[in-house]
Amino acid sequence: MHDVQQIARDIVAREGGYVNDPDDPGGATNHGVTIHTMRRLGLDLDRDGVVTENDVRVLRQDQAVSIFVDHYFKRPRIAELPAPLHATVFDMYVNAGANAVRILQRLLQDMRIQVSADSVIGPQTIAATQQGMAAAPDHFVDAYGIARRNYYYALADARPTSRKYARRRDGGKGGWITRAEEFISPRYHLSDAQHRERTALWV
């Protein structure tokens, strides 16, 4: 198991550099850090008195790593979940915020483990997750990854402008799906045919 700093560096590498896609609600983003996050944290890197796209552009990778560790791993208490879940929940929290926790809580509910789907990691969620891991130690991380993948497909179902993140122009798996499957055992990856069938109704 890599330490949290390495997990964060892997996330930064996965996220890539500066982008400002009008279809992405996150807005201007660099190394996975959005302009909204930088404004919330008051990161005026060019010291002009306001956080703008330029501040996003000049954000360094090491700064992004620190932001992720402090605000997307420690603060939401992912560190208190069972260690095998750290990489996948952390990665999803960077990508989808508190939805990462709601996905976990709904998975636990599907297992008939009592927990509120409130998107917050507290004592109840920590205990429930430990119970879930104990009940299915060889499958729980995969189950979470599959739930992530389902979340992405459902989001693209509901939001046509986001379909390009789940399906490439040639019909193959988009970045969202391949990202989720990085945390799923290969035996549970969808085949290309299965992916195309899942997205066949998308325009």
Protein backbone atom coordinates (compact mmCIF):
# COMPACT_ATOMS: atom_id res chain seq x y z
CA MET A 1 0.00 0.00 0.00
CA HIS A 2 1.46 3.35 -1.04
CA ASP A 3 1.52 6.16 1.47
CA VAL A 4 -0.89 9.04 1.09
CA GLN A 5 1.69 11.31 -0.52
CA GLN A 6 2.27 8.76 -3.27
CA ILE A 7 -1.45 8.27 -3.76
CA ALA A 8 -1.81 12.04 -4.13
CA ARG A 9 1.06 12.21 -6.62
CA ASP A 10 -0.62 9.46 -8.63
CA ILE A 11 -3.86 11.46 -8.63
CA VAL A 12 -2.06 14.58 -9.84
CA ALA A 13 -0.47 12.57 -12.65
CA ARG A 14 -3.86 11.09 -13.55
CA GLU A 15 -5.55 14.49 -13.60
CA GLY A 16 -3.08 16.10 -15.98
CA GLY A 17 -2.35 19.78 -16.55
CA TYR A 18 -4.39 22.90 -17.13
CA VAL A 19 -7.82 22.60 -18.75
CA ASN A 20 -10.85 24.85 -18.93
CA ASP A 21 -13.61 22.78 -20.53
CA PRO A 22 -16.93 24.69 -20.75
CA ASP A 23 -18.78 21.39 -20.25
CA ASP A 24 -16.99 20.72 -16.95
CA PRO A 25 -18.80 22.28 -13.94
CA GLY A 26 -15.43 22.45 -12.20
CA GLY A 27 -14.29 25.25 -14.48
CA ALA A 28 -10.60 26.03 -14.91
CA THR A 29 -8.59 23.15 -13.44
CA ASN A 30 -4.90 22.34 -13.10
CA HIS A 31 -3.49 19.08 -11.73
CA GLY A 32 -7.07 18.29 -10.68
CA VAL A 33 -7.45 21.42 -8.53
CA THR A 34 -10.38 23.58 -9.62
CA ILE A 35 -10.67 27.34 -9.53
CA HIS A 36 -13.55 26.90 -7.05
CA THR A 37 -11.26 25.05 -4.64
CA MET A 38 -8.55 27.68 -5.02
CA ARG A 39 -11.04 30.46 -4.31
CA ARG A 40 -12.38 28.61 -1.29
CA LEU A 41 -8.84 28.28 0.05
CA GLY A 42 -7.85 31.84 -0.89
CA LEU A 43 -4.94 30.73 -3.08
CA ASP A 44 -4.00 33.99 -4.76
CA LEU A 45 -0.71 32.70 -6.12
CA ASP A 46 0.11 35.72 -8.29
CA ARG A 47 -0.77 38.08 -5.40
CA ASP A 48 -3.00 40.38 -7.44
CA GLY A 49 -5.77 40.36 -4.84
CA VAL A 50 -8.15 37.98 -6.60
CA VAL A 51 -8.11 34.28 -7.50
CA THR A 52 -8.43 33.93 -11.27
CA GLU A 53 -7.66 31.46 -14.03
CA ASN A 54 -4.07 32.69 -13.98
CA ASP A 55 -3.66 31.42 -10.42
CA VAL A 56 -4.92 28.04 -11.61
CA ARG A 57 -2.39 28.06 -14.46
CA VAL A 58 0.59 28.70 -12.18
CA LEU A 59 -0.33 26.09 -9.56
CA ARG A 60 2.56 23.64 -9.12
CA GLN A 61 2.22 19.88 -8.83
CA ASP A 62 3.62 19.84 -5.29
CA GLN A 63 1.03 22.44 -4.26
CA ALA A 64 -1.73 20.28 -5.74
CA VAL A 65 -0.44 17.27 -3.79
CA SER A 66 -0.55 19.24 -0.53
CA ILE A 67 -4.08 20.51 -1.26
CA PHE A 68 -5.32 16.99 -1.93
CA VAL A 69 -3.72 15.44 1.15
CA ASP A 70 -4.95 18.18 3.50
CA HIS A 71 -8.39 18.91 2.08
CA TYR A 72 -9.43 15.76 0.20
CA PHE A 73 -7.94 13.03 2.40
CA LYS A 74 -7.38 14.23 5.97
CA ARG A 75 -10.21 16.74 6.33
CA PRO A 76 -13.00 14.41 5.09
CA ARG A 77 -11.52 11.64 7.30
CA ILE A 78 -10.74 9.17 4.52
CA ALA A 79 -7.62 8.38 6.53
CA GLU A 80 -9.88 6.72 9.14
CA LEU A 81 -11.37 4.25 6.67
CA PRO A 82 -9.75 0.81 6.21
CA ALA A 83 -6.43 1.23 4.39
CA PRO A 84 -7.34 -0.87 1.31
CA LEU A 85 -9.97 1.76 0.46
CA HIS A 86 -7.72 4.79 0.77
CA ALA A 87 -6.56 5.02 -2.84
CA THR A 88 -9.92 4.55 -4.51
CA VAL A 89 -12.01 6.71 -2.15
CA PHE A 90 -9.34 9.44 -2.16
CA ASP A 91 -9.20 9.41 -5.96
CA MET A 92 -12.98 9.59 -6.18
CA TYR A 93 -13.16 12.40 -3.63
CA VAL A 94 -10.80 14.48 -5.77
CA ASN A 95 -12.90 13.70 -8.84
CA ALA A 96 -16.42 13.92 -7.40
CA GLY A 97 -16.23 15.48 -3.94
CA ALA A 98 -18.55 14.20 -1.23
CA ASN A 99 -20.26 11.93 -3.77
CA ALA A 100 -17.32 9.60 -3.11
CA VAL A 101 -18.60 9.09 0.43
CA ARG A 102 -22.25 8.80 -0.60
CA ILE A 103 -21.30 6.01 -3.02
CA LEU A 104 -19.59 4.18 -0.17
CA GLN A 105 -22.57 4.64 2.15
CA ARG A 106 -25.05 3.41 -0.45
CA LEU A 107 -22.88 0.35 -1.08
CA LEU A 108 -23.00 -0.38 2.64
CA GLN A 109 -26.78 0.06 2.63
CA ASP A 110 -26.97 -2.44 -0.25
CA MET A 111 -25.12 -4.86 2.04
CA ARG A 112 -27.82 -4.28 4.70
CA ILE A 113 -25.36 -2.46 6.93
CA GLN A 114 -26.96 0.41 8.80
CA VAL A 115 -25.54 3.78 7.81
CA SER A 116 -26.91 7.15 6.75
CA ALA A 117 -26.17 8.30 3.20
CA ASP A 118 -25.24 11.81 4.32
CA SER A 119 -21.94 12.11 2.39
CA VAL A 120 -20.01 12.61 5.64
CA ILE A 121 -17.44 10.25 7.15
CA GLY A 122 -18.20 10.06 10.85
CA PRO A 123 -18.06 7.33 13.50
CA GLN A 124 -21.09 5.54 12.03
CA THR A 125 -19.63 5.38 8.50
CA ILE A 126 -16.20 4.36 9.79
CA ALA A 127 -17.70 1.49 11.82
CA ALA A 128 -20.01 0.45 8.99
CA THR A 129 -17.13 0.40 6.51
CA GLN A 130 -15.06 -1.75 8.84
CA GLN A 131 -18.03 -4.10 9.05
CA GLY A 132 -18.35 -4.17 5.27
CA MET A 133 -14.66 -4.92 4.80
CA ALA A 134 -14.83 -7.71 7.36
CA ALA A 135 -17.87 -9.23 5.63
CA ALA A 136 -16.26 -9.21 2.17
CA PRO A 137 -12.51 -8.66 2.55
CA ASP A 138 -11.69 -9.97 -0.93
CA HIS A 139 -14.44 -8.10 -2.75
CA PHE A 140 -15.27 -4.84 -0.99
CA VAL A 141 -12.73 -2.64 -2.79
CA ASP A 142 -13.86 -4.04 -6.15
CA ALA A 143 -17.48 -3.45 -5.17
CA TYR A 144 -16.71 0.17 -4.42
CA GLY A 145 -14.91 0.55 -7.75
CA ILE A 146 -17.87 -0.96 -9.59
CA ALA A 147 -20.18 1.44 -7.75
CA ARG A 148 -17.93 4.30 -8.91
CA ARG A 149 -18.21 3.10 -12.48
CA ASN A 150 -21.98 2.88 -12.19
CA TYR A 151 -22.07 6.42 -10.81
CA TYR A 152 -20.21 7.73 -13.84
CA TYR A 153 -22.52 5.94 -16.27
CA ALA A 154 -25.59 7.24 -14.44
CA LEU A 155 -24.22 10.77 -14.41
CA ALA A 156 -23.65 10.61 -18.16
CA ASP A 157 -27.15 9.18 -18.63
CA ALA A 158 -28.58 12.24 -16.91
CA ARG A 159 -26.19 14.86 -18.29
CA PRO A 160 -25.55 14.51 -22.04
CA THR A 161 -22.76 17.10 -22.04
CA SER A 162 -20.77 14.80 -19.75
CA ARG A 163 -21.00 11.72 -21.98
CA LYS A 164 -17.72 12.57 -23.65
CA TYR A 165 -16.00 11.82 -20.33
CA ALA A 166 -17.48 8.31 -20.20
CA ARG A 167 -17.32 7.40 -23.90
CA ARG A 168 -14.68 8.31 -26.46
CA ARG A 169 -15.61 9.55 -29.90
CA ASP A 170 -14.88 6.12 -31.32
CA GLY A 171 -17.31 4.57 -28.82
CA GLY A 172 -14.67 3.11 -26.53
CA LYS A 173 -14.34 3.68 -22.79
CA GLY A 174 -13.82 7.31 -21.82
CA GLY A 175 -11.63 8.67 -19.05
CA TRP A 176 -14.22 8.31 -16.30
CA ILE A 177 -14.68 4.60 -16.96
CA THR A 178 -11.01 3.76 -17.35
CA ARG A 179 -10.29 5.77 -14.20
CA ALA A 180 -12.81 3.76 -12.18
CA GLU A 181 -11.44 0.49 -13.57
CA GLU A 182 -7.92 1.34 -12.41
CA PHE A 183 -9.24 0.44 -8.95
CA ILE A 184 -11.18 -2.67 -10.00
CA SER A 185 -9.65 -6.11 -10.48
CA PRO A 186 -9.28 -6.90 -14.20
CA ARG A 187 -11.79 -9.76 -13.97
CA TYR A 188 -14.51 -7.20 -13.26
CA HIS A 189 -13.62 -4.81 -16.08
CA LEU A 190 -16.26 -4.41 -18.74
CA SER A 191 -15.41 -5.66 -22.19
CA ASP A 192 -15.53 -3.17 -25.03
CA ALA A 193 -18.75 -4.81 -26.21
CA GLN A 194 -20.33 -4.48 -22.76
CA HIS A 195 -19.36 -0.83 -22.59
CA ARG A 196 -20.80 -0.16 -26.03
CA GLU A 197 -24.02 -1.91 -25.06
CA ARG A 198 -24.26 0.17 -21.88
CA THR A 199 -23.91 3.41 -23.85
CA ALA A 200 -25.84 2.40 -26.98
CA LEU A 201 -28.76 4.76 -26.28
CA TRP A 202 -26.57 7.85 -25.94
CA VAL A 203 -26.75 10.28 -28.81
